[in-house]
Amino acid sequence: MTDDQITQITTGILEIKNDIERIAEKQDEMIRDMRDVKSAIYNPDSGLYARLRALEQWKQAQSKIQWGVIMAVVGLVTTTLYKMIMNS
């Protein structure tokens, strides 16, 4: 082998080494990002699932209140109509 070929092989090996190091850095960065995403989703206090659970509980409570108000209005309308019919 000539010195020129050895230099080219050495340069190629160094480029491959640098590429592998960049890939390893990007992979570490990706792992950190995935941990952050996992934490944001599964955190029991402030994660996505905790927010959805709180929203569902709020929705159920609002639904009960709404039905209570509707039934009260229906009762009042019925009572008013009954009194109007009986007083006529």
PDB file of N, CA and C in Angstrom:
ATOM      1  N   MET A   1       0.828  -1.179   0.000  1.00  0.00           N
ATOM      2  CA  MET A   1       0.000   0.000   0.000  1.00  0.00           C
ATOM      3  C   MET A   1       0.868   1.235   0.000  1.00  0.00           C
ATOM      4  N   THR A   2       0.339   2.250  -0.658  1.00  0.00           N
ATOM      5  CA  THR A   2       1.091   3.501  -0.717  1.00  0.00           C
ATOM      6  C   THR A   2       0.655   4.385   0.436  1.00  0.00           C
ATOM      7  N   ASP A   3       1.453   5.393   0.661  1.00  0.00           N
ATOM      8  CA  ASP A   3       1.142   6.342   1.725  1.00  0.00           C
ATOM      9  C   ASP A   3      -0.178   7.053   1.447  1.00  0.00           C
ATOM     10  N   ASP A   4      -0.467   7.311   0.183  1.00  0.00           N
ATOM     11  CA  ASP A   4      -1.715   7.988  -0.185  1.00  0.00           C
ATOM     12  C   ASP A   4      -2.924   7.113   0.166  1.00  0.00           C
ATOM     13  N   GLN A   5      -2.834   5.821  -0.087  1.00  0.00           N
ATOM     14  CA  GLN A   5      -3.931   4.910   0.229  1.00  0.00           C
ATOM     15  C   GLN A   5      -4.128   4.786   1.740  1.00  0.00           C
ATOM     16  N   ILE A   6      -3.046   4.728   2.457  1.00  0.00           N
ATOM     17  CA  ILE A   6      -3.125   4.649   3.917  1.00  0.00           C
ATOM     18  C   ILE A   6      -3.770   5.914   4.480  1.00  0.00           C
ATOM     19  N   THR A   7      -3.403   7.057   3.915  1.00  0.00           N
ATOM     20  CA  THR A   7      -3.987   8.330   4.349  1.00  0.00           C
ATOM     21  C   THR A   7      -5.486   8.349   4.064  1.00  0.00           C
ATOM     22  N   GLN A   8      -5.897   7.861   2.906  1.00  0.00           N
ATOM     23  CA  GLN A   8      -7.319   7.822   2.567  1.00  0.00           C
ATOM     24  C   GLN A   8      -8.087   6.882   3.497  1.00  0.00           C
ATOM     25  N   ILE A   9      -7.516   5.730   3.785  1.00  0.00           N
ATOM     26  CA  ILE A   9      -8.166   4.781   4.693  1.00  0.00           C
ATOM     27  C   ILE A   9      -8.268   5.377   6.092  1.00  0.00           C
ATOM     28  N   THR A  10      -7.200   6.019   6.545  1.00  0.00           N
ATOM     29  CA  THR A  10      -7.201   6.652   7.863  1.00  0.00           C
ATOM     30  C   THR A  10      -8.257   7.749   7.928  1.00  0.00           C
ATOM     31  N   THR A  11      -8.324   8.560   6.878  1.00  0.00           N
ATOM     32  CA  THR A  11      -9.325   9.629   6.827  1.00  0.00           C
ATOM     33  C   THR A  11     -10.738   9.045   6.843  1.00  0.00           C
ATOM     34  N   GLY A  12     -10.955   7.995   6.089  1.00  0.00           N
ATOM     35  CA  GLY A  12     -12.259   7.335   6.058  1.00  0.00           C
ATOM     36  C   GLY A  12     -12.644   6.776   7.413  1.00  0.00           C
ATOM     37  N   ILE A  13     -11.696   6.148   8.078  1.00  0.00           N
ATOM     38  CA  ILE A  13     -11.953   5.585   9.409  1.00  0.00           C
ATOM     39  C   ILE A  13     -12.281   6.700  10.402  1.00  0.00           C
ATOM     40  N   LEU A  14     -11.558   7.808  10.337  1.00  0.00           N
ATOM     41  CA  LEU A  14     -11.831   8.936  11.235  1.00  0.00           C
ATOM     42  C   LEU A  14     -13.216   9.532  10.967  1.00  0.00           C
ATOM     43  N   GLU A  15     -13.601   9.612   9.698  1.00  0.00           N
ATOM     44  CA  GLU A  15     -14.932  10.128   9.369  1.00  0.00           C
ATOM     45  C   GLU A  15     -16.020   9.195   9.907  1.00  0.00           C
ATOM     46  N   ILE A  16     -15.800   7.898   9.757  1.00  0.00           N
ATOM     47  CA  ILE A  16     -16.764   6.929  10.289  1.00  0.00           C
ATOM     48  C   ILE A  16     -16.839   7.038  11.809  1.00  0.00           C
ATOM     49  N   LYS A  17     -15.701   7.212  12.451  1.00  0.00           N
ATOM     50  CA  LYS A  17     -15.663   7.352  13.908  1.00  0.00           C
ATOM     51  C   LYS A  17     -16.433   8.594  14.336  1.00  0.00           C
ATOM     52  N   ASN A  18     -16.233   9.710  13.639  1.00  0.00           N
ATOM     53  CA  ASN A  18     -16.949  10.941  13.966  1.00  0.00           C
ATOM     54  C   ASN A  18     -18.457  10.784  13.748  1.00  0.00           C
ATOM     55  N   ASP A  19     -18.836  10.096  12.675  1.00  0.00           N
ATOM     56  CA  ASP A  19     -20.256   9.856  12.406  1.00  0.00           C
ATOM     57  C   ASP A  19     -20.881   9.012  13.516  1.00  0.00           C
ATOM     58  N   ILE A  20     -20.169   7.997  13.956  1.00  0.00           N
ATOM     59  CA  ILE A  20     -20.673   7.135  15.029  1.00  0.00           C
ATOM     60  C   ILE A  20     -20.823   7.925  16.322  1.00  0.00           C
ATOM     61  N   GLU A  21     -19.880   8.806  16.600  1.00  0.00           N
ATOM     62  CA  GLU A  21     -19.975   9.636  17.803  1.00  0.00           C
ATOM     63  C   GLU A  21     -21.181  10.566  17.735  1.00  0.00           C
ATOM     64  N   ARG A  22     -21.436  11.164  16.558  1.00  0.00           N
ATOM     65  CA  ARG A  22     -22.615  12.028  16.398  1.00  0.00           C
ATOM     66  C   ARG A  22     -23.902  11.232  16.553  1.00  0.00           C
ATOM     67  N   ILE A  23     -23.929  10.026  16.014  1.00  0.00           N
ATOM     68  CA  ILE A  23     -25.108   9.169  16.154  1.00  0.00           C
ATOM     69  C   ILE A  23     -25.341   8.844  17.625  1.00  0.00           C
ATOM     70  N   ALA A  24     -24.276   8.550  18.350  1.00  0.00           N
ATOM     71  CA  ALA A  24     -24.404   8.241  19.776  1.00  0.00           C
ATOM     72  C   ALA A  24     -24.933   9.457  20.544  1.00  0.00           C
ATOM     73  N   GLU A  25     -24.450  10.655  20.209  1.00  0.00           N
ATOM     74  CA  GLU A  25     -24.934  11.872  20.866  1.00  0.00           C
ATOM     75  C   GLU A  25     -26.412  12.096  20.569  1.00  0.00           C
ATOM     76  N   LYS A  26     -26.802  11.920  19.315  1.00  0.00           N
ATOM     77  CA  LYS A  26     -28.203  12.100  18.933  1.00  0.00           C
ATOM     78  C   LYS A  26     -29.086  11.062  19.614  1.00  0.00           C
ATOM     79  N   GLN A  27     -28.577   9.845  19.744  1.00  0.00           N
ATOM     80  CA  GLN A  27     -29.341   8.800  20.397  1.00  0.00           C
ATOM     81  C   GLN A  27     -29.534   9.133  21.880  1.00  0.00           C
ATOM     82  N   ASP A  28     -28.507   9.653  22.542  1.00  0.00           N
ATOM     83  CA  ASP A  28     -28.639  10.070  23.937  1.00  0.00           C
ATOM     84  C   ASP A  28     -29.667  11.193  24.060  1.00  0.00           C
ATOM     85  N   GLU A  29     -29.626  12.130  23.119  1.00  0.00           N
ATOM     86  CA  GLU A  29     -30.588  13.230  23.115  1.00  0.00           C
ATOM     87  C   GLU A  29     -32.014  12.695  22.926  1.00  0.00           C
ATOM     88  N   MET A  30     -32.159  11.736  22.037  1.00  0.00           N
ATOM     89  CA  MET A  30     -33.468  11.148  21.783  1.00  0.00           C
ATOM     90  C   MET A  30     -33.974  10.413  23.031  1.00  0.00           C
ATOM     91  N   ILE A  31     -33.100   9.739  23.723  1.00  0.00           N
ATOM     92  CA  ILE A  31     -33.489   9.035  24.948  1.00  0.00           C
ATOM     93  C   ILE A  31     -33.973  10.028  25.994  1.00  0.00           C
ATOM     94  N   ARG A  32     -33.266  11.149  26.138  1.00  0.00           N
ATOM     95  CA  ARG A  32     -33.699  12.182  27.095  1.00  0.00           C
ATOM     96  C   ARG A  32     -35.068  12.744  26.706  1.00  0.00           C
ATOM     97  N   ASP A  33     -35.256  12.984  25.423  1.00  0.00           N
ATOM     98  CA  ASP A  33     -36.542  13.502  24.957  1.00  0.00           C
ATOM     99  C   ASP A  33     -37.665  12.504  25.224  1.00  0.00           C
ATOM    100  N   MET A  34     -37.412  11.233  24.984  1.00  0.00           N
ATOM    101  CA  MET A  34     -38.431  10.217  25.230  1.00  0.00           C
ATOM    102  C   MET A  34     -38.760  10.117  26.722  1.00  0.00           C
ATOM    103  N   ARG A  35     -37.772  10.273  27.565  1.00  0.00           N
ATOM    104  CA  ARG A  35     -38.035  10.274  29.017  1.00  0.00           C
ATOM    105  C   ARG A  35     -38.910  11.461  29.394  1.00  0.00           C
ATOM    106  N   ASP A  36     -38.642  12.615  28.783  1.00  0.00           N
ATOM    107  CA  ASP A  36     -39.465  13.793  29.059  1.00  0.00           C
ATOM    108  C   ASP A  36     -40.910  13.580  28.605  1.00  0.00           C
ATOM    109  N   VAL A  37     -41.070  12.989  27.437  1.00  0.00           N
ATOM    110  CA  VAL A  37     -42.414  12.716  26.929  1.00  0.00           C
ATOM    111  C   VAL A  37     -43.129  11.720  27.837  1.00  0.00           C
ATOM    112  N   LYS A  38     -42.434  10.689  28.218  1.00  0.00           N
ATOM    113  CA  LYS A  38     -43.016   9.676  29.101  1.00  0.00           C
ATOM    114  C   LYS A  38     -43.416  10.304  30.438  1.00  0.00           C
ATOM    115  N   SER A  39     -42.565  11.156  30.956  1.00  0.00           N
ATOM    116  CA  SER A  39     -42.877  11.830  32.207  1.00  0.00           C
ATOM    117  C   SER A  39     -44.094  12.739  32.056  1.00  0.00           C
ATOM    118  N   ALA A  40     -44.181  13.447  30.939  1.00  0.00           N
ATOM    119  CA  ALA A  40     -45.313  14.342  30.712  1.00  0.00           C
ATOM    120  C   ALA A  40     -46.623  13.582  30.580  1.00  0.00           C
ATOM    121  N   ILE A  41     -46.558  12.384  30.066  1.00  0.00           N
ATOM    122  CA  ILE A  41     -47.780  11.604  29.871  1.00  0.00           C
ATOM    123  C   ILE A  41     -48.176  10.861  31.136  1.00  0.00           C
ATOM    124  N   TYR A  42     -47.227  10.185  31.760  1.00  0.00           N
ATOM    125  CA  TYR A  42     -47.552   9.264  32.837  1.00  0.00           C
ATOM    126  C   TYR A  42     -47.363   9.820  34.241  1.00  0.00           C
ATOM    127  N   ASN A  43     -46.933  11.051  34.394  1.00  0.00           N
ATOM    128  CA  ASN A  43     -46.746  11.623  35.720  1.00  0.00           C
ATOM    129  C   ASN A  43     -48.078  11.581  36.468  1.00  0.00           C
ATOM    130  N   PRO A  44     -48.130  10.947  37.649  1.00  0.00           N
ATOM    131  CA  PRO A  44     -49.417  10.775  38.331  1.00  0.00           C
ATOM    132  C   PRO A  44     -50.036  12.079  38.833  1.00  0.00           C
ATOM    133  N   ASP A  45     -49.240  13.112  39.002  1.00  0.00           N
ATOM    134  CA  ASP A  45     -49.786  14.362  39.528  1.00  0.00           C
ATOM    135  C   ASP A  45     -50.176  15.353  38.445  1.00  0.00           C
ATOM    136  N   SER A  46     -49.356  15.472  37.410  1.00  0.00           N
ATOM    137  CA  SER A  46     -49.634  16.499  36.398  1.00  0.00           C
ATOM    138  C   SER A  46     -49.528  15.982  34.976  1.00  0.00           C
ATOM    139  N   GLY A  47     -49.488  14.673  34.802  1.00  0.00           N
ATOM    140  CA  GLY A  47     -49.365  14.108  33.463  1.00  0.00           C
ATOM    141  C   GLY A  47     -50.669  14.181  32.690  1.00  0.00           C
ATOM    142  N   LEU A  48     -50.600  13.773  31.465  1.00  0.00           N
ATOM    143  CA  LEU A  48     -51.755  13.807  30.574  1.00  0.00           C
ATOM    144  C   LEU A  48     -52.896  12.963  31.119  1.00  0.00           C
ATOM    145  N   TYR A  49     -52.581  11.768  31.611  1.00  0.00           N
ATOM    146  CA  TYR A  49     -53.631  10.906  32.144  1.00  0.00           C
ATOM    147  C   TYR A  49     -54.269  11.514  33.389  1.00  0.00           C
ATOM    148  N   ALA A  50     -53.488  12.165  34.222  1.00  0.00           N
ATOM    149  CA  ALA A  50     -54.043  12.823  35.413  1.00  0.00           C
ATOM    150  C   ALA A  50     -54.970  13.961  35.002  1.00  0.00           C
ATOM    151  N   ARG A  51     -54.591  14.710  33.988  1.00  0.00           N
ATOM    152  CA  ARG A  51     -55.446  15.806  33.509  1.00  0.00           C
ATOM    153  C   ARG A  51     -56.748  15.271  32.921  1.00  0.00           C
ATOM    154  N   LEU A  52     -56.655  14.186  32.149  1.00  0.00           N
ATOM    155  CA  LEU A  52     -57.862  13.593  31.577  1.00  0.00           C
ATOM    156  C   LEU A  52     -58.787  13.067  32.668  1.00  0.00           C
ATOM    157  N   ARG A  53     -58.221  12.452  33.687  1.00  0.00           N
ATOM    158  CA  ARG A  53     -59.028  11.945  34.793  1.00  0.00           C
ATOM    159  C   ARG A  53     -59.741  13.101  35.505  1.00  0.00           C
ATOM    160  N   ALA A  54     -59.028  14.186  35.732  1.00  0.00           N
ATOM    161  CA  ALA A  54     -59.637  15.348  36.381  1.00  0.00           C
ATOM    162  C   ALA A  54     -60.740  15.939  35.502  1.00  0.00           C
ATOM    163  N   LEU A  55     -60.494  15.993  34.206  1.00  0.00           N
ATOM    164  CA  LEU A  55     -61.503  16.520  33.287  1.00  0.00           C
ATOM    165  C   LEU A  55     -62.742  15.640  33.268  1.00  0.00           C
ATOM    166  N   GLU A  56     -62.568  14.336  33.267  1.00  0.00           N
ATOM    167  CA  GLU A  56     -63.708  13.426  33.293  1.00  0.00           C
ATOM    168  C   GLU A  56     -64.497  13.558  34.589  1.00  0.00           C
ATOM    169  N   GLN A  57     -63.809  13.715  35.718  1.00  0.00           N
ATOM    170  CA  GLN A  57     -64.501  13.899  36.995  1.00  0.00           C
ATOM    171  C   GLN A  57     -65.282  15.203  36.998  1.00  0.00           C
ATOM    172  N   TRP A  58     -64.690  16.260  36.449  1.00  0.00           N
ATOM    173  CA  TRP A  58     -65.374  17.544  36.373  1.00  0.00           C
ATOM    174  C   TRP A  58     -66.607  17.423  35.484  1.00  0.00           C
ATOM    175  N   LYS A  59     -66.453  16.720  34.366  1.00  0.00           N
ATOM    176  CA  LYS A  59     -67.571  16.546  33.430  1.00  0.00           C
ATOM    177  C   LYS A  59     -68.714  15.787  34.097  1.00  0.00           C
ATOM    178  N   GLN A  60     -68.407  14.758  34.850  1.00  0.00           N
ATOM    179  CA  GLN A  60     -69.448  14.007  35.545  1.00  0.00           C
ATOM    180  C   GLN A  60     -70.161  14.875  36.579  1.00  0.00           C
ATOM    181  N   ALA A  61     -69.399  15.676  37.311  1.00  0.00           N
ATOM    182  CA  ALA A  61     -69.997  16.560  38.313  1.00  0.00           C
ATOM    183  C   ALA A  61     -70.889  17.600  37.636  1.00  0.00           C
ATOM    184  N   GLN A  62     -70.437  18.167  36.527  1.00  0.00           N
ATOM    185  CA  GLN A  62     -71.229  19.163  35.809  1.00  0.00           C
ATOM    186  C   GLN A  62     -72.500  18.538  35.252  1.00  0.00           C
ATOM    187  N   SER A  63     -72.399  17.305  34.804  1.00  0.00           N
ATOM    188  CA  SER A  63     -73.562  16.613  34.267  1.00  0.00           C
ATOM    189  C   SER A  63     -74.615  16.422  35.365  1.00  0.00           C
ATOM    190  N   LYS A  64     -74.187  16.044  36.549  1.00  0.00           N
ATOM    191  CA  LYS A  64     -75.119  15.878  37.669  1.00  0.00           C
ATOM    192  C   LYS A  64     -75.768  17.208  38.031  1.00  0.00           C
ATOM    193  N   ILE A  65     -74.982  18.259  38.068  1.00  0.00           N
ATOM    194  CA  ILE A  65     -75.527  19.587  38.383  1.00  0.00           C
ATOM    195  C   ILE A  65     -76.519  20.015  37.306  1.00  0.00           C
ATOM    196  N   GLN A  66     -76.158  19.781  36.058  1.00  0.00           N
ATOM    197  CA  GLN A  66     -77.024  20.166  34.941  1.00  0.00           C
ATOM    198  C   GLN A  66     -78.361  19.421  35.019  1.00  0.00           C
ATOM    199  N   TRP A  67     -78.322  18.135  35.288  1.00  0.00           N
ATOM    200  CA  TRP A  67     -79.559  17.376  35.412  1.00  0.00           C
ATOM    201  C   TRP A  67     -80.378  17.863  36.608  1.00  0.00           C
ATOM    202  N   GLY A  68     -79.719  18.224  37.674  1.00  0.00           N
ATOM    203  CA  GLY A  68     -80.425  18.772  38.845  1.00  0.00           C
ATOM    204  C   GLY A  68     -81.147  20.061  38.503  1.00  0.00           C
ATOM    205  N   VAL A  69     -80.482  20.939  37.787  1.00  0.00           N
ATOM    206  CA  VAL A  69     -81.093  22.214  37.396  1.00  0.00           C
ATOM    207  C   VAL A  69     -82.261  21.970  36.432  1.00  0.00           C
ATOM    208  N   ILE A  70     -82.070  21.070  35.477  1.00  0.00           N
ATOM    209  CA  ILE A  70     -83.137  20.768  34.512  1.00  0.00           C
ATOM    210  C   ILE A  70     -84.358  20.213  35.238  1.00  0.00           C
ATOM    211  N   MET A  71     -84.142  19.296  36.167  1.00  0.00           N
ATOM    212  CA  MET A  71     -85.264  18.713  36.901  1.00  0.00           C
ATOM    213  C   MET A  71     -85.963  19.766  37.753  1.00  0.00           C
ATOM    214  N   ALA A  72     -85.207  20.686  38.340  1.00  0.00           N
ATOM    215  CA  ALA A  72     -85.820  21.753  39.129  1.00  0.00           C
ATOM    216  C   ALA A  72     -86.671  22.659  38.244  1.00  0.00           C
ATOM    217  N   VAL A  73     -86.170  22.986  37.060  1.00  0.00           N
ATOM    218  CA  VAL A  73     -86.935  23.839  36.138  1.00  0.00           C
ATOM    219  C   VAL A  73     -88.196  23.115  35.676  1.00  0.00           C
ATOM    220  N   VAL A  74     -88.072  21.837  35.344  1.00  0.00           N
ATOM    221  CA  VAL A  74     -89.242  21.062  34.927  1.00  0.00           C
ATOM    222  C   VAL A  74     -90.262  21.005  36.070  1.00  0.00           C
ATOM    223  N   GLY A  75     -89.798  20.818  37.287  1.00  0.00           N
ATOM    224  CA  GLY A  75     -90.693  20.805  38.448  1.00  0.00           C
ATOM    225  C   GLY A  75     -91.396  22.133  38.639  1.00  0.00           C
ATOM    226  N   LEU A  76     -90.647  23.214  38.494  1.00  0.00           N
ATOM    227  CA  LEU A  76     -91.255  24.542  38.653  1.00  0.00           C
ATOM    228  C   LEU A  76     -92.273  24.826  37.553  1.00  0.00           C
ATOM    229  N   VAL A  77     -91.943  24.455  36.331  1.00  0.00           N
ATOM    230  CA  VAL A  77     -92.882  24.669  35.220  1.00  0.00           C
ATOM    231  C   VAL A  77     -94.129  23.816  35.437  1.00  0.00           C
ATOM    232  N   THR A  78     -93.943  22.587  35.845  1.00  0.00           N
ATOM    233  CA  THR A  78     -95.089  21.706  36.095  1.00  0.00           C
ATOM    234  C   THR A  78     -95.960  22.263  37.214  1.00  0.00           C
ATOM    235  N   THR A  79     -95.338  22.709  38.285  1.00  0.00           N
ATOM    236  CA  THR A  79     -96.093  23.284  39.405  1.00  0.00           C
ATOM    237  C   THR A  79     -96.840  24.532  38.966  1.00  0.00           C
ATOM    238  N   THR A  80     -96.202  25.378  38.197  1.00  0.00           N
ATOM    239  CA  THR A  80     -96.840  26.606  37.719  1.00  0.00           C
ATOM    240  C   THR A  80     -98.030  26.275  36.824  1.00  0.00           C
ATOM    241  N   LEU A  81     -97.857  25.348  35.889  1.00  0.00           N
ATOM    242  CA  LEU A  81     -98.963  24.944  35.012  1.00  0.00           C
ATOM    243  C   LEU A  81    -100.106  24.328  35.831  1.00  0.00           C
ATOM    244  N   TYR A  82     -99.771  23.501  36.794  1.00  0.00           N
ATOM    245  CA  TYR A  82    -100.787  22.865  37.629  1.00  0.00           C
ATOM    246  C   TYR A  82    -101.587  23.922  38.394  1.00  0.00           C
ATOM    247  N   LYS A  83    -100.899  24.899  38.955  1.00  0.00           N
ATOM    248  CA  LYS A  83    -101.590  25.953  39.698  1.00  0.00           C
ATOM    249  C   LYS A  83    -102.447  26.808  38.772  1.00  0.00           C
ATOM    250  N   MET A  84    -101.948  27.053  37.556  1.00  0.00           N
ATOM    251  CA  MET A  84    -102.736  27.849  36.605  1.00  0.00           C
ATOM    252  C   MET A  84    -104.002  27.098  36.189  1.00  0.00           C
ATOM    253  N   ILE A  85    -103.895  25.799  35.983  1.00  0.00           N
ATOM    254  CA  ILE A  85    -105.053  24.998  35.567  1.00  0.00           C
ATOM    255  C   ILE A  85    -106.049  24.879  36.717  1.00  0.00           C
ATOM    256  N   MET A  86    -105.578  24.663  37.932  1.00  0.00           N
ATOM    257  CA  MET A  86    -106.460  24.476  39.072  1.00  0.00           C
ATOM    258  C   MET A  86    -107.111  25.783  39.504  1.00  0.00           C
ATOM    259  N   ASN A  87    -106.476  26.908  39.297  1.00  0.00           N
ATOM    260  CA  ASN A  87    -107.041  28.208  39.683  1.00  0.00           C
ATOM    261  C   ASN A  87    -107.989  28.743  38.619  1.00  0.00           C
ATOM    262  N   SER A  88    -108.036  28.155  37.462  1.00  0.00           N
ATOM    263  CA  SER A  88    -108.899  28.666  36.397  1.00  0.00           C
ATOM    264  C   SER A  88    -110.331  28.336  36.608  1.00  0.00           C
TER     265      SER A  88
END
